[in-house]
Every structure is written in structure tokens, then in C-alpha cells.
Amino acid sequence: MAIKTLLFDLDGTLIDTNELILQSFLHTFGKYFPDRNYSREDILPFNGPTLHESFSSVDPDRAEEMIAEYRKFNHEKHDELVTEFPGVFDTIKTLKEKGYKIGVVTTKVRKTVNMGLQLTKLDQFFDVVVTLDDVRNPKPDPEPVLLALKMLDSTPEEAIMVGDNYQDIVAGQKAGTKTAGVAWSHKGKDFLLEYNPDFMLENMSDLLDLVLVKG
């Protein structure tokens, strides 16, 4: 079946928030655990799960308090540290112009998502944006992917889920879509390949050749 729908994770896939995320975690952990001396490498496993999952794994009793501190710092530094990845803007623009249905499926809350999309001017292109606020079960559960497909009046068989983390690949697989990893993942291309995505993108523009061939 021809590919007609493209679903994208946001952070680490469309926009480069890696440094912002690292600094936000380092700031928060530095405030709440000043004696632990978290390194940049220590933060890497927290990039991908929801904030609630990440902070609850460290200190369940103070998780919500830490989330508030994280978001305060994150929003203050957002526009200073966030850019889109190479090839993203032109690729998304082309997909839109060619009539593909395109959406964002993310584990971030809508306020933060809107900040990133507006800053990079990507907000003009997407037909739907599914955030953490819209679902009960975030990725890797298939619920967000299935909700986006429903909103787009699309089927899993005609869709690809694109992401930089295992949550994106697994959610797409469980929902029945094709999946594509991105080689610029902060956790590395080899990490993503362990989850057997159908495709691996070296640059976002590779997606155009892929859907044109497949479609």
C-alpha cells in the first residue's frame, strides 16, 4: 500500500533539543541532588521517557516538584538553545506541498511542543499534533500513534512513524505502521537499529526518496 501519512516525533527528530534537555536535567538534578554530580552521560537515559517517568525513577516523592523546576528552566532557555535539524524544514514543506498527511506524535506537553514548532516555523505544516496532554498512555504504547491516524483518517498500513528513540519505533510497530529511525539520534544509530526499524534516515530528505519510491 502506498505511503500517504508521515508521523514524526518532535524532540531529537525534527528539532534539536538535545542540549536544552541535557542542561534542563543537569540544572534540576544539581538543585535536588547537589552531591551526586550527574554527568552529561548520566543524563542520556532520561532523554526519551516522559518527565514523570524519568523523575519518578529517581525520587517518586518529589517527581512533580522536579518536573516544575525542569520546565521552568527549560522554557527560559528554550529559544536560546533550540534549532531544527538539517533538511527538516524543506522536507516537511515538500511533504505538505505534495499532499501527504503529516502529524507530530510526542511525549511532551502541548505548551512546550508549541514553543518548538513556532520557533522553527514548522507549525504551519502539520495537520495534527498529538501531545502528552491528549493521551492516557504515551509512547511506546501505540495509543498516541493510533490517535493521530484516527484524526488524519489514515490507516497504519499507509503510514510511517519517524523518530529518534526506541519509544517511537516500538509505538509505531505496535500500532502497525512502518517505522523509520533517524541516524542523528542522540543515543546513536546503532542503538536504534537494535529495535529493527523498517528504515534508517541519514538525513530527513531521505524520506522524500523513500515515500516517492514506495508511494
C-alpha atoms as a PDB file:
ATOM      1  CA  MET A   1       0.000   0.000   0.000  1.00  0.00           C
ATOM      2  CA  ALA A   2       1.235   3.484  -0.850  1.00  0.00           C
ATOM      3  CA  ILE A   3       2.541   5.640   1.974  1.00  0.00           C
ATOM      4  CA  LYS A   4       0.247   8.631   2.417  1.00  0.00           C
ATOM      5  CA  THR A   5       0.834   9.582   6.074  1.00  0.00           C
ATOM      6  CA  LEU A   6       4.012  10.591   7.904  1.00  0.00           C
ATOM      7  CA  LEU A   7       4.088  10.848  11.698  1.00  0.00           C
ATOM      8  CA  PHE A   8       7.060  12.435  13.435  1.00  0.00           C
ATOM      9  CA  ASP A   9       8.420  12.569  16.917  1.00  0.00           C
ATOM     10  CA  LEU A  10       9.476  16.127  17.793  1.00  0.00           C
ATOM     11  CA  ASP A  11      12.490  16.395  20.112  1.00  0.00           C
ATOM     12  CA  GLY A  12      15.600  14.841  18.640  1.00  0.00           C
ATOM     13  CA  THR A  13      13.821  14.099  15.358  1.00  0.00           C
ATOM     14  CA  LEU A  14      12.538  17.364  13.899  1.00  0.00           C
ATOM     15  CA  ILE A  15      14.116  19.844  16.284  1.00  0.00           C
ATOM     16  CA  ASP A  16      17.444  19.685  18.072  1.00  0.00           C
ATOM     17  CA  THR A  17      16.564  19.969  21.737  1.00  0.00           C
ATOM     18  CA  ASN A  18      19.366  17.702  22.932  1.00  0.00           C
ATOM     19  CA  GLU A  19      21.425  20.421  24.594  1.00  0.00           C
ATOM     20  CA  LEU A  20      18.316  22.012  26.095  1.00  0.00           C
ATOM     21  CA  ILE A  21      17.220  18.678  27.566  1.00  0.00           C
ATOM     22  CA  LEU A  22      20.680  17.935  28.938  1.00  0.00           C
ATOM     23  CA  GLN A  23      21.015  21.325  30.558  1.00  0.00           C
ATOM     24  CA  SER A  24      17.484  21.137  31.983  1.00  0.00           C
ATOM     25  CA  PHE A  25      18.161  17.780  33.642  1.00  0.00           C
ATOM     26  CA  LEU A  26      21.601  18.867  34.883  1.00  0.00           C
ATOM     27  CA  HIS A  27      20.075  22.025  36.378  1.00  0.00           C
ATOM     28  CA  THR A  28      17.261  20.117  38.084  1.00  0.00           C
ATOM     29  CA  PHE A  29      19.418  17.301  39.419  1.00  0.00           C
ATOM     30  CA  GLY A  30      22.033  19.824  40.512  1.00  0.00           C
ATOM     31  CA  LYS A  31      19.415  21.584  42.620  1.00  0.00           C
ATOM     32  CA  TYR A  32      17.840  18.488  44.167  1.00  0.00           C
ATOM     33  CA  PHE A  33      20.896  16.214  44.370  1.00  0.00           C
ATOM     34  CA  PRO A  34      23.931  18.516  44.652  1.00  0.00           C
ATOM     35  CA  ASP A  35      26.148  15.711  45.960  1.00  0.00           C
ATOM     36  CA  ARG A  36      25.541  13.253  43.120  1.00  0.00           C
ATOM     37  CA  ASN A  37      27.463  15.129  40.407  1.00  0.00           C
ATOM     38  CA  TYR A  38      25.420  13.932  37.434  1.00  0.00           C
ATOM     39  CA  SER A  39      27.413  13.962  34.186  1.00  0.00           C
ATOM     40  CA  ARG A  40      26.141  14.525  30.663  1.00  0.00           C
ATOM     41  CA  GLU A  41      26.435  10.779  30.059  1.00  0.00           C
ATOM     42  CA  ASP A  42      24.328  10.072  33.153  1.00  0.00           C
ATOM     43  CA  ILE A  43      21.506  12.152  31.646  1.00  0.00           C
ATOM     44  CA  LEU A  44      21.264  10.217  28.381  1.00  0.00           C
ATOM     45  CA  PRO A  45      18.832   7.503  29.623  1.00  0.00           C
ATOM     46  CA  PHE A  46      16.384  10.225  30.708  1.00  0.00           C
ATOM     47  CA  ASN A  47      16.090  11.544  27.144  1.00  0.00           C
ATOM     48  CA  GLY A  48      13.043   9.801  25.701  1.00  0.00           C
ATOM     49  CA  PRO A  49      10.690   8.773  28.533  1.00  0.00           C
ATOM     50  CA  THR A  50       8.153  11.225  29.910  1.00  0.00           C
ATOM     51  CA  LEU A  51       9.378  13.597  32.607  1.00  0.00           C
ATOM     52  CA  HIS A  52       7.164  11.843  35.121  1.00  0.00           C
ATOM     53  CA  GLU A  53       8.784   8.501  34.319  1.00  0.00           C
ATOM     54  CA  SER A  54      12.273   9.998  34.456  1.00  0.00           C
ATOM     55  CA  PHE A  55      11.962  11.866  37.731  1.00  0.00           C
ATOM     56  CA  SER A  56       9.866   9.179  39.414  1.00  0.00           C
ATOM     57  CA  SER A  57      12.672   6.705  38.780  1.00  0.00           C
ATOM     58  CA  VAL A  58      14.983   8.924  40.832  1.00  0.00           C
ATOM     59  CA  ASP A  59      12.726  10.335  43.551  1.00  0.00           C
ATOM     60  CA  PRO A  60       9.000   9.464  43.359  1.00  0.00           C
ATOM     61  CA  ASP A  61       8.084  11.711  46.281  1.00  0.00           C
ATOM     62  CA  ARG A  62       9.498  14.832  44.632  1.00  0.00           C
ATOM     63  CA  ALA A  63       8.829  13.977  40.996  1.00  0.00           C
ATOM     64  CA  GLU A  64       6.165  16.639  40.389  1.00  0.00           C
ATOM     65  CA  GLU A  65       8.230  19.294  42.127  1.00  0.00           C
ATOM     66  CA  MET A  66      11.231  18.389  39.982  1.00  0.00           C
ATOM     67  CA  ILE A  67       9.136  18.449  36.806  1.00  0.00           C
ATOM     68  CA  ALA A  68       8.047  22.009  37.598  1.00  0.00           C
ATOM     69  CA  GLU A  69      11.673  23.065  38.133  1.00  0.00           C
ATOM     70  CA  TYR A  70      12.747  21.342  34.913  1.00  0.00           C
ATOM     71  CA  ARG A  71      10.021  23.028  32.851  1.00  0.00           C
ATOM     72  CA  LYS A  72      10.745  26.460  34.318  1.00  0.00           C
ATOM     73  CA  PHE A  73      14.411  26.242  33.319  1.00  0.00           C
ATOM     74  CA  ASN A  74      13.564  24.553  30.010  1.00  0.00           C
ATOM     75  CA  HIS A  75      11.163  27.296  28.935  1.00  0.00           C
ATOM     76  CA  GLU A  76      13.540  30.070  29.969  1.00  0.00           C
ATOM     77  CA  LYS A  77      16.364  28.607  27.866  1.00  0.00           C
ATOM     78  CA  HIS A  78      14.219  27.228  25.028  1.00  0.00           C
ATOM     79  CA  ASP A  79      14.659  29.828  22.302  1.00  0.00           C
ATOM     80  CA  GLU A  80      18.353  30.178  23.047  1.00  0.00           C
ATOM     81  CA  LEU A  81      19.181  26.500  22.523  1.00  0.00           C
ATOM     82  CA  VAL A  82      16.657  25.003  20.062  1.00  0.00           C
ATOM     83  CA  THR A  83      17.045  24.699  16.263  1.00  0.00           C
ATOM     84  CA  GLU A  84      15.682  22.314  13.624  1.00  0.00           C
ATOM     85  CA  PHE A  85      17.902  19.573  12.240  1.00  0.00           C
ATOM     86  CA  PRO A  86      19.381  19.932   8.721  1.00  0.00           C
ATOM     87  CA  GLY A  87      16.919  19.123   5.957  1.00  0.00           C
ATOM     88  CA  VAL A  88      13.879  19.127   8.205  1.00  0.00           C
ATOM     89  CA  PHE A  89      12.155  22.363   7.173  1.00  0.00           C
ATOM     90  CA  ASP A  90      12.464  21.798   3.423  1.00  0.00           C
ATOM     91  CA  THR A  91      11.437  18.134   3.701  1.00  0.00           C
ATOM     92  CA  ILE A  92       8.340  18.836   5.786  1.00  0.00           C
ATOM     93  CA  LYS A  93       7.408  21.718   3.481  1.00  0.00           C
ATOM     94  CA  THR A  94       7.737  19.455   0.428  1.00  0.00           C
ATOM     95  CA  LEU A  95       5.647  16.694   2.001  1.00  0.00           C
ATOM     96  CA  LYS A  96       2.925  19.207   2.768  1.00  0.00           C
ATOM     97  CA  GLU A  97       3.002  20.624  -0.756  1.00  0.00           C
ATOM     98  CA  LYS A  98       2.778  17.134  -2.252  1.00  0.00           C
ATOM     99  CA  GLY A  99      -0.380  16.410  -0.286  1.00  0.00           C
ATOM    100  CA  TYR A 100       0.878  13.947   2.298  1.00  0.00           C
ATOM    101  CA  LYS A 101      -0.890  13.851   5.645  1.00  0.00           C
ATOM    102  CA  ILE A 102       1.644  14.796   8.303  1.00  0.00           C
ATOM    103  CA  GLY A 103       1.496  14.882  12.072  1.00  0.00           C
ATOM    104  CA  VAL A 104       3.568  15.151  15.229  1.00  0.00           C
ATOM    105  CA  VAL A 105       3.353  12.482  17.929  1.00  0.00           C
ATOM    106  CA  THR A 106       5.307  13.443  21.042  1.00  0.00           C
ATOM    107  CA  THR A 107       5.621  12.736  24.757  1.00  0.00           C
ATOM    108  CA  LYS A 108       5.938  16.472  25.506  1.00  0.00           C
ATOM    109  CA  VAL A 109       3.130  18.661  26.847  1.00  0.00           C
ATOM    110  CA  ARG A 110       1.422  20.925  24.337  1.00  0.00           C
ATOM    111  CA  LYS A 111       2.822  24.204  25.651  1.00  0.00           C
ATOM    112  CA  THR A 112       6.405  23.043  25.137  1.00  0.00           C
ATOM    113  CA  VAL A 113       5.568  21.475  21.776  1.00  0.00           C
ATOM    114  CA  ASN A 114       4.040  24.726  20.528  1.00  0.00           C
ATOM    115  CA  MET A 115       7.142  26.643  21.569  1.00  0.00           C
ATOM    116  CA  GLY A 116       9.370  24.396  19.477  1.00  0.00           C
ATOM    117  CA  LEU A 117       7.136  24.320  16.411  1.00  0.00           C
ATOM    118  CA  GLN A 118       6.612  28.073  16.420  1.00  0.00           C
ATOM    119  CA  LEU A 119      10.288  28.876  16.960  1.00  0.00           C
ATOM    120  CA  THR A 120      11.303  26.752  13.955  1.00  0.00           C
ATOM    121  CA  LYS A 121       8.262  27.842  11.895  1.00  0.00           C
ATOM    122  CA  LEU A 122       7.263  24.205  11.431  1.00  0.00           C
ATOM    123  CA  ASP A 123       3.848  24.810  12.990  1.00  0.00           C
ATOM    124  CA  GLN A 124       2.412  25.892   9.623  1.00  0.00           C
ATOM    125  CA  PHE A 125       2.772  22.433   8.095  1.00  0.00           C
ATOM    126  CA  PHE A 126       1.295  19.840  10.440  1.00  0.00           C
ATOM    127  CA  ASP A 127      -2.273  18.609  10.148  1.00  0.00           C
ATOM    128  CA  VAL A 128      -2.362  17.166  13.676  1.00  0.00           C
ATOM    129  CA  VAL A 129      -0.203  17.373  16.786  1.00  0.00           C
ATOM    130  CA  VAL A 130      -0.699  14.687  19.443  1.00  0.00           C
ATOM    131  CA  THR A 131       0.937  15.543  22.770  1.00  0.00           C
ATOM    132  CA  LEU A 132       1.182  14.033  26.231  1.00  0.00           C
ATOM    133  CA  ASP A 133      -1.915  16.054  27.153  1.00  0.00           C
ATOM    134  CA  ASP A 134      -4.010  14.156  24.611  1.00  0.00           C
ATOM    135  CA  VAL A 135      -3.473  10.557  25.718  1.00  0.00           C
ATOM    136  CA  ARG A 136      -3.579   8.329  28.766  1.00  0.00           C
ATOM    137  CA  ASN A 137      -0.708   6.099  27.644  1.00  0.00           C
ATOM    138  CA  PRO A 138       2.323   7.759  25.999  1.00  0.00           C
ATOM    139  CA  LYS A 139       4.773   6.101  23.608  1.00  0.00           C
ATOM    140  CA  PRO A 140       5.923   3.319  23.474  1.00  0.00           C
ATOM    141  CA  ASP A 141       2.234   2.494  23.885  1.00  0.00           C
ATOM    142  CA  PRO A 142       0.561   2.726  20.453  1.00  0.00           C
ATOM    143  CA  GLU A 143      -2.255   4.975  21.713  1.00  0.00           C
ATOM    144  CA  PRO A 144      -0.732   8.309  20.515  1.00  0.00           C
ATOM    145  CA  VAL A 145       0.086   6.901  17.077  1.00  0.00           C
ATOM    146  CA  LEU A 146      -3.381   5.398  16.679  1.00  0.00           C
ATOM    147  CA  LEU A 147      -4.979   8.667  17.798  1.00  0.00           C
ATOM    148  CA  ALA A 148      -3.015  10.631  15.203  1.00  0.00           C
ATOM    149  CA  LEU A 149      -4.024   8.166  12.492  1.00  0.00           C
ATOM    150  CA  LYS A 150      -7.663   8.430  13.516  1.00  0.00           C
ATOM    151  CA  MET A 151      -7.524  12.224  13.429  1.00  0.00           C
ATOM    152  CA  LEU A 152      -5.974  12.079   9.971  1.00  0.00           C
ATOM    153  CA  ASP A 153      -8.455   9.472   8.728  1.00  0.00           C
ATOM    154  CA  SER A 154      -5.478   7.255   7.896  1.00  0.00           C
ATOM    155  CA  THR A 155      -4.668   3.572   8.343  1.00  0.00           C
ATOM    156  CA  PRO A 156      -1.495   2.085   9.845  1.00  0.00           C
ATOM    157  CA  GLU A 157      -0.719   0.325   6.553  1.00  0.00           C
ATOM    158  CA  GLU A 158      -0.294   3.663   4.756  1.00  0.00           C
ATOM    159  CA  ALA A 159       1.776   5.358   7.460  1.00  0.00           C
ATOM    160  CA  ILE A 160       5.358   5.675   8.680  1.00  0.00           C
ATOM    161  CA  MET A 161       6.298   6.662  12.234  1.00  0.00           C
ATOM    162  CA  VAL A 162       9.617   8.548  12.285  1.00  0.00           C
ATOM    163  CA  GLY A 163      11.633   9.006  15.466  1.00  0.00           C
ATOM    164  CA  ASP A 164      14.970   9.186  17.227  1.00  0.00           C
ATOM    165  CA  ASN A 165      14.254   6.900  20.161  1.00  0.00           C
ATOM    166  CA  TYR A 166      13.064   3.380  20.836  1.00  0.00           C
ATOM    167  CA  GLN A 167       9.703   4.668  22.089  1.00  0.00           C
ATOM    168  CA  ASP A 168       8.925   5.920  18.586  1.00  0.00           C
ATOM    169  CA  ILE A 169       9.917   2.694  16.863  1.00  0.00           C
ATOM    170  CA  VAL A 170       8.070   0.430  19.309  1.00  0.00           C
ATOM    171  CA  ALA A 171       4.934   2.597  19.291  1.00  0.00           C
ATOM    172  CA  GLY A 172       4.831   2.503  15.512  1.00  0.00           C
ATOM    173  CA  GLN A 173       5.376  -1.228  15.424  1.00  0.00           C
ATOM    174  CA  LYS A 174       2.619  -1.847  17.958  1.00  0.00           C
ATOM    175  CA  ALA A 175       0.274   0.424  16.002  1.00  0.00           C
ATOM    176  CA  GLY A 176       1.021  -1.431  12.774  1.00  0.00           C
ATOM    177  CA  THR A 177       2.805   1.331  10.855  1.00  0.00           C
ATOM    178  CA  LYS A 178       6.129   1.233   9.082  1.00  0.00           C
ATOM    179  CA  THR A 179       8.892   2.814  11.168  1.00  0.00           C
ATOM    180  CA  ALA A 180      11.937   4.942  10.408  1.00  0.00           C
ATOM    181  CA  GLY A 181      14.795   5.769  12.736  1.00  0.00           C
ATOM    182  CA  VAL A 182      16.981   8.836  12.318  1.00  0.00           C
ATOM    183  CA  ALA A 183      20.759   8.417  12.242  1.00  0.00           C
ATOM    184  CA  TRP A 184      21.226  11.717  14.122  1.00  0.00           C
ATOM    185  CA  SER A 185      19.621  10.232  17.240  1.00  0.00           C
ATOM    186  CA  HIS A 186      21.414  11.412  20.366  1.00  0.00           C
ATOM    187  CA  LYS A 187      21.591   7.787  21.503  1.00  0.00           C
ATOM    188  CA  GLY A 188      23.189   6.721  18.234  1.00  0.00           C
ATOM    189  CA  LYS A 189      22.187   4.959  15.052  1.00  0.00           C
ATOM    190  CA  ASP A 190      23.311   1.553  16.356  1.00  0.00           C
ATOM    191  CA  PHE A 191      21.053   1.888  19.401  1.00  0.00           C
ATOM    192  CA  LEU A 192      18.012   2.443  17.190  1.00  0.00           C
ATOM    193  CA  LEU A 193      18.906  -0.417  14.862  1.00  0.00           C
ATOM    194  CA  GLU A 194      18.522  -2.798  17.801  1.00  0.00           C
ATOM    195  CA  TYR A 195      14.762  -2.136  17.592  1.00  0.00           C
ATOM    196  CA  ASN A 196      14.564  -3.099  13.903  1.00  0.00           C
ATOM    197  CA  PRO A 197      13.021  -0.026  12.281  1.00  0.00           C
ATOM    198  CA  ASP A 198      11.961  -0.596   8.672  1.00  0.00           C
ATOM    199  CA  PHE A 199      14.117   2.294   7.500  1.00  0.00           C
ATOM    200  CA  MET A 200      17.038   4.395   8.721  1.00  0.00           C
ATOM    201  CA  LEU A 201      17.284   8.021   7.594  1.00  0.00           C
ATOM    202  CA  GLU A 202      20.731   9.587   7.288  1.00  0.00           C
ATOM    203  CA  ASN A 203      19.107  12.945   6.527  1.00  0.00           C
ATOM    204  CA  MET A 204      15.446  13.904   6.752  1.00  0.00           C
ATOM    205  CA  SER A 205      15.453  14.491   2.988  1.00  0.00           C
ATOM    206  CA  ASP A 206      15.928  10.703   2.549  1.00  0.00           C
ATOM    207  CA  LEU A 207      12.255  10.445   3.444  1.00  0.00           C
ATOM    208  CA  LEU A 208      11.267  12.090   0.164  1.00  0.00           C
ATOM    209  CA  ASP A 209      13.018   9.420  -1.901  1.00  0.00           C
ATOM    210  CA  LEU A 210      11.517   6.751   0.323  1.00  0.00           C
ATOM    211  CA  VAL A 211       7.891   7.794   0.051  1.00  0.00           C
ATOM    212  CA  LEU A 212       8.139   8.660  -3.608  1.00  0.00           C
ATOM    213  CA  VAL A 213       9.532   5.202  -4.347  1.00  0.00           C
ATOM    214  CA  LYS A 214       7.063   3.493  -2.016  1.00  0.00           C
ATOM    215  CA  GLY A 215       4.159   5.712  -2.961  1.00  0.00           C
END
